[in-house]
Amino acid sequence: MPGKSDYLEQALLDHVFRGTAYTAPATLYFSLHTADPSDTGSPSNEVTGTGYARVAKTANTSNFARSGSTVTNLTAVAFPTAGAGGWGTVTHAAIYDAASGGNLLYVMPLAASQSIPAGVQYSLPITTGMSVTED
């Protein structure tokens, strides 16, 4: 089940109840993890193999659709091709507000763990690869 990070929960509470402005990021950065980074984002367990980089997606209606209280991706989130040694087995994806470091926004387990050997390009597919629901 996807989950909102502690950072985002606190930022939204401050925004709504304390008048502290929260500015949504114009670009979202998708990451892959070899274990659940948890809603605290620590430890991150983010992939660090050769060729790995977070994938940037502009936050807009061309890349994301909302139906009721669920958002899904309208474009595939295609990571670079894994380099020498591969990236290991990924179990989770996450969304950050920066290309490196930054604040964790959401964490989601993958439908199935995926081994990513050298030469493989992993992708979160359209609509089924990323789904975030607020209740």
C-alpha atoms as a PDB file:
ATOM      1  CA  MET A   1       0.000   0.000   0.000  1.00  0.00           C
ATOM      2  CA  PRO A   2       1.453   3.390  -0.952  1.00  0.00           C
ATOM      3  CA  GLY A   3       2.112   5.707   1.919  1.00  0.00           C
ATOM      4  CA  LYS A   4       2.709   9.374   2.454  1.00  0.00           C
ATOM      5  CA  SER A   5       6.019  10.246   4.102  1.00  0.00           C
ATOM      6  CA  ASP A   6       6.281  11.812   7.540  1.00  0.00           C
ATOM      7  CA  TYR A   7       7.726  14.927   5.861  1.00  0.00           C
ATOM      8  CA  LEU A   8       4.683  15.400   3.606  1.00  0.00           C
ATOM      9  CA  GLU A   9       2.188  14.629   6.385  1.00  0.00           C
ATOM     10  CA  GLN A  10       3.748  17.305   8.594  1.00  0.00           C
ATOM     11  CA  ALA A  11       4.037  19.849   5.755  1.00  0.00           C
ATOM     12  CA  LEU A  12       0.354  19.450   4.867  1.00  0.00           C
ATOM     13  CA  LEU A  13      -0.763  19.679   8.496  1.00  0.00           C
ATOM     14  CA  ASP A  14       1.257  22.878   8.911  1.00  0.00           C
ATOM     15  CA  HIS A  15      -0.180  24.220   5.642  1.00  0.00           C
ATOM     16  CA  VAL A  16      -3.818  23.574   6.574  1.00  0.00           C
ATOM     17  CA  PHE A  17      -3.779  24.309  10.292  1.00  0.00           C
ATOM     18  CA  ARG A  18      -0.859  26.641  10.942  1.00  0.00           C
ATOM     19  CA  GLY A  19      -0.854  28.857   7.867  1.00  0.00           C
ATOM     20  CA  THR A  20       2.611  27.672   6.843  1.00  0.00           C
ATOM     21  CA  ALA A  21       2.702  27.604   3.062  1.00  0.00           C
ATOM     22  CA  TYR A  22       3.555  24.327   1.349  1.00  0.00           C
ATOM     23  CA  THR A  23       4.631  24.672  -2.248  1.00  0.00           C
ATOM     24  CA  ALA A  24       4.176  21.516  -4.279  1.00  0.00           C
ATOM     25  CA  PRO A  25       7.210  20.538  -6.354  1.00  0.00           C
ATOM     26  CA  ALA A  26       6.974  21.278 -10.087  1.00  0.00           C
ATOM     27  CA  THR A  27       8.938  18.107 -10.787  1.00  0.00           C
ATOM     28  CA  LEU A  28       8.622  14.733  -9.067  1.00  0.00           C
ATOM     29  CA  TYR A  29      11.560  12.314  -8.940  1.00  0.00           C
ATOM     30  CA  PHE A  30      10.929   8.566  -8.904  1.00  0.00           C
ATOM     31  CA  SER A  31      13.391   6.248  -7.196  1.00  0.00           C
ATOM     32  CA  LEU A  32      13.866   2.497  -6.755  1.00  0.00           C
ATOM     33  CA  HIS A  33      14.708   0.780  -3.463  1.00  0.00           C
ATOM     34  CA  THR A  34      15.981  -2.637  -2.429  1.00  0.00           C
ATOM     35  CA  ALA A  35      13.919  -2.546   0.796  1.00  0.00           C
ATOM     36  CA  ASP A  36      11.104  -0.483   2.265  1.00  0.00           C
ATOM     37  CA  PRO A  37      12.508   3.006   2.918  1.00  0.00           C
ATOM     38  CA  SER A  38       9.594   3.544   5.359  1.00  0.00           C
ATOM     39  CA  ASP A  39       7.697   6.793   5.640  1.00  0.00           C
ATOM     40  CA  THR A  40      10.667   8.388   7.389  1.00  0.00           C
ATOM     41  CA  GLY A  41      12.917   7.833   4.358  1.00  0.00           C
ATOM     42  CA  SER A  42      15.707   6.438   6.525  1.00  0.00           C
ATOM     43  CA  PRO A  43      17.414   4.186   5.786  1.00  0.00           C
ATOM     44  CA  SER A  44      16.750   4.943   2.159  1.00  0.00           C
ATOM     45  CA  ASN A  45      17.905   1.649   0.604  1.00  0.00           C
ATOM     46  CA  GLU A  46      17.872   3.489  -2.719  1.00  0.00           C
ATOM     47  CA  VAL A  47      19.554   1.741  -5.633  1.00  0.00           C
ATOM     48  CA  THR A  48      23.097   3.008  -6.247  1.00  0.00           C
ATOM     49  CA  GLY A  49      24.307   0.760  -9.076  1.00  0.00           C
ATOM     50  CA  THR A  50      26.073   1.868 -12.245  1.00  0.00           C
ATOM     51  CA  GLY A  51      23.822   3.939 -14.492  1.00  0.00           C
ATOM     52  CA  TYR A  52      21.104   4.465 -11.868  1.00  0.00           C
ATOM     53  CA  ALA A  53      19.399   7.838 -11.572  1.00  0.00           C
ATOM     54  CA  ARG A  54      16.023   9.014 -10.335  1.00  0.00           C
ATOM     55  CA  VAL A  55      13.495   9.666 -13.082  1.00  0.00           C
ATOM     56  CA  ALA A  56      12.031  13.167 -13.338  1.00  0.00           C
ATOM     57  CA  LYS A  57       8.370  13.699 -14.222  1.00  0.00           C
ATOM     58  CA  THR A  58       6.762  17.111 -14.430  1.00  0.00           C
ATOM     59  CA  ALA A  59       3.770  17.390 -12.112  1.00  0.00           C
ATOM     60  CA  ASN A  60       0.966  18.052 -14.602  1.00  0.00           C
ATOM     61  CA  THR A  61      -2.183  16.579 -16.160  1.00  0.00           C
ATOM     62  CA  SER A  62      -0.193  15.110 -19.059  1.00  0.00           C
ATOM     63  CA  ASN A  63       1.799  12.849 -16.729  1.00  0.00           C
ATOM     64  CA  PHE A  64      -0.732  12.160 -13.963  1.00  0.00           C
ATOM     65  CA  ALA A  65      -4.476  11.551 -13.805  1.00  0.00           C
ATOM     66  CA  ARG A  66      -6.747  11.776 -10.790  1.00  0.00           C
ATOM     67  CA  SER A  67      -9.942   9.795 -10.429  1.00  0.00           C
ATOM     68  CA  GLY A  68     -11.673  10.481  -7.146  1.00  0.00           C
ATOM     69  CA  SER A  69      -8.940  10.307  -4.532  1.00  0.00           C
ATOM     70  CA  THR A  70      -6.489   8.214  -6.581  1.00  0.00           C
ATOM     71  CA  VAL A  71      -3.670   9.476  -8.802  1.00  0.00           C
ATOM     72  CA  THR A  72      -2.023   7.262 -11.442  1.00  0.00           C
ATOM     73  CA  ASN A  73       0.748   7.832 -13.961  1.00  0.00           C
ATOM     74  CA  LEU A  74      -0.240   8.482 -17.596  1.00  0.00           C
ATOM     75  CA  THR A  75       3.306   7.959 -18.860  1.00  0.00           C
ATOM     76  CA  ALA A  76       5.721   5.144 -18.084  1.00  0.00           C
ATOM     77  CA  VAL A  77       8.437   5.870 -15.546  1.00  0.00           C
ATOM     78  CA  ALA A  78      11.414   4.429 -17.429  1.00  0.00           C
ATOM     79  CA  PHE A  79      14.650   4.210 -15.466  1.00  0.00           C
ATOM     80  CA  PRO A  80      18.038   4.186 -17.219  1.00  0.00           C
ATOM     81  CA  THR A  81      19.484   0.847 -18.296  1.00  0.00           C
ATOM     82  CA  ALA A  82      21.298  -0.878 -15.426  1.00  0.00           C
ATOM     83  CA  GLY A  83      25.057  -0.830 -15.852  1.00  0.00           C
ATOM     84  CA  ALA A  84      27.751  -3.315 -14.868  1.00  0.00           C
ATOM     85  CA  GLY A  85      26.779  -5.431 -11.883  1.00  0.00           C
ATOM     86  CA  GLY A  86      23.082  -4.555 -12.146  1.00  0.00           C
ATOM     87  CA  TRP A  87      21.016  -3.007  -9.381  1.00  0.00           C
ATOM     88  CA  GLY A  88      20.029  -6.016  -7.295  1.00  0.00           C
ATOM     89  CA  THR A  89      16.421  -6.815  -6.441  1.00  0.00           C
ATOM     90  CA  VAL A  90      14.114  -3.836  -6.075  1.00  0.00           C
ATOM     91  CA  THR A  91      11.042  -4.057  -3.854  1.00  0.00           C
ATOM     92  CA  HIS A  92       9.802  -0.460  -3.576  1.00  0.00           C
ATOM     93  CA  ALA A  93       9.509   2.761  -5.542  1.00  0.00           C
ATOM     94  CA  ALA A  94       9.361   6.216  -4.002  1.00  0.00           C
ATOM     95  CA  ILE A  95       8.715   9.799  -5.026  1.00  0.00           C
ATOM     96  CA  TYR A  96      11.008  12.646  -3.960  1.00  0.00           C
ATOM     97  CA  ASP A  97      11.071  16.387  -4.563  1.00  0.00           C
ATOM     98  CA  ALA A  98      14.689  16.425  -5.790  1.00  0.00           C
ATOM     99  CA  ALA A  99      16.964  14.569  -8.217  1.00  0.00           C
ATOM    100  CA  SER A 100      19.182  13.535  -5.276  1.00  0.00           C
ATOM    101  CA  GLY A 101      18.682  13.942  -1.563  1.00  0.00           C
ATOM    102  CA  GLY A 102      15.556  16.032  -1.116  1.00  0.00           C
ATOM    103  CA  ASN A 103      12.386  15.143   0.734  1.00  0.00           C
ATOM    104  CA  LEU A 104      10.640  11.810   0.450  1.00  0.00           C
ATOM    105  CA  LEU A 105       6.972  12.325  -0.483  1.00  0.00           C
ATOM    106  CA  TYR A 106       5.495   8.860  -1.099  1.00  0.00           C
ATOM    107  CA  VAL A 107       6.619   5.227  -0.833  1.00  0.00           C
ATOM    108  CA  MET A 108       4.996   2.298  -2.624  1.00  0.00           C
ATOM    109  CA  PRO A 109       5.782  -1.414  -2.720  1.00  0.00           C
ATOM    110  CA  LEU A 110       6.164  -2.877  -6.200  1.00  0.00           C
ATOM    111  CA  ALA A 111       3.529  -5.425  -7.257  1.00  0.00           C
ATOM    112  CA  ALA A 112       6.368  -7.981  -7.285  1.00  0.00           C
ATOM    113  CA  SER A 113      10.054  -7.791  -6.399  1.00  0.00           C
ATOM    114  CA  GLN A 114      12.172  -7.389  -9.509  1.00  0.00           C
ATOM    115  CA  SER A 115      15.772  -8.386 -10.096  1.00  0.00           C
ATOM    116  CA  ILE A 116      17.496  -5.833 -12.318  1.00  0.00           C
ATOM    117  CA  PRO A 117      20.650  -7.274 -13.863  1.00  0.00           C
ATOM    118  CA  ALA A 118      23.073  -5.344 -16.083  1.00  0.00           C
ATOM    119  CA  GLY A 119      21.581  -4.394 -19.431  1.00  0.00           C
ATOM    120  CA  VAL A 120      17.961  -4.293 -18.217  1.00  0.00           C
ATOM    121  CA  GLN A 121      15.830  -1.165 -18.273  1.00  0.00           C
ATOM    122  CA  TYR A 122      13.152  -1.218 -15.561  1.00  0.00           C
ATOM    123  CA  SER A 123       9.956   0.759 -15.982  1.00  0.00           C
ATOM    124  CA  LEU A 124       6.872   1.494 -13.898  1.00  0.00           C
ATOM    125  CA  PRO A 125       4.102   0.900 -16.455  1.00  0.00           C
ATOM    126  CA  ILE A 126       1.332   3.355 -17.300  1.00  0.00           C
ATOM    127  CA  THR A 127      -1.538   3.452 -14.756  1.00  0.00           C
ATOM    128  CA  THR A 128      -0.504   0.246 -12.984  1.00  0.00           C
ATOM    129  CA  GLY A 129       3.054   1.249 -12.133  1.00  0.00           C
ATOM    130  CA  MET A 130       2.222   4.065  -9.760  1.00  0.00           C
ATOM    131  CA  SER A 131      -0.975   4.613  -7.881  1.00  0.00           C
ATOM    132  CA  VAL A 132      -1.423   6.864  -4.861  1.00  0.00           C
ATOM    133  CA  THR A 133      -4.700   7.069  -2.973  1.00  0.00           C
ATOM    134  CA  GLU A 134      -5.664   9.497  -0.250  1.00  0.00           C
ATOM    135  CA  ASP A 135      -8.527   8.440   1.996  1.00  0.00           C
END
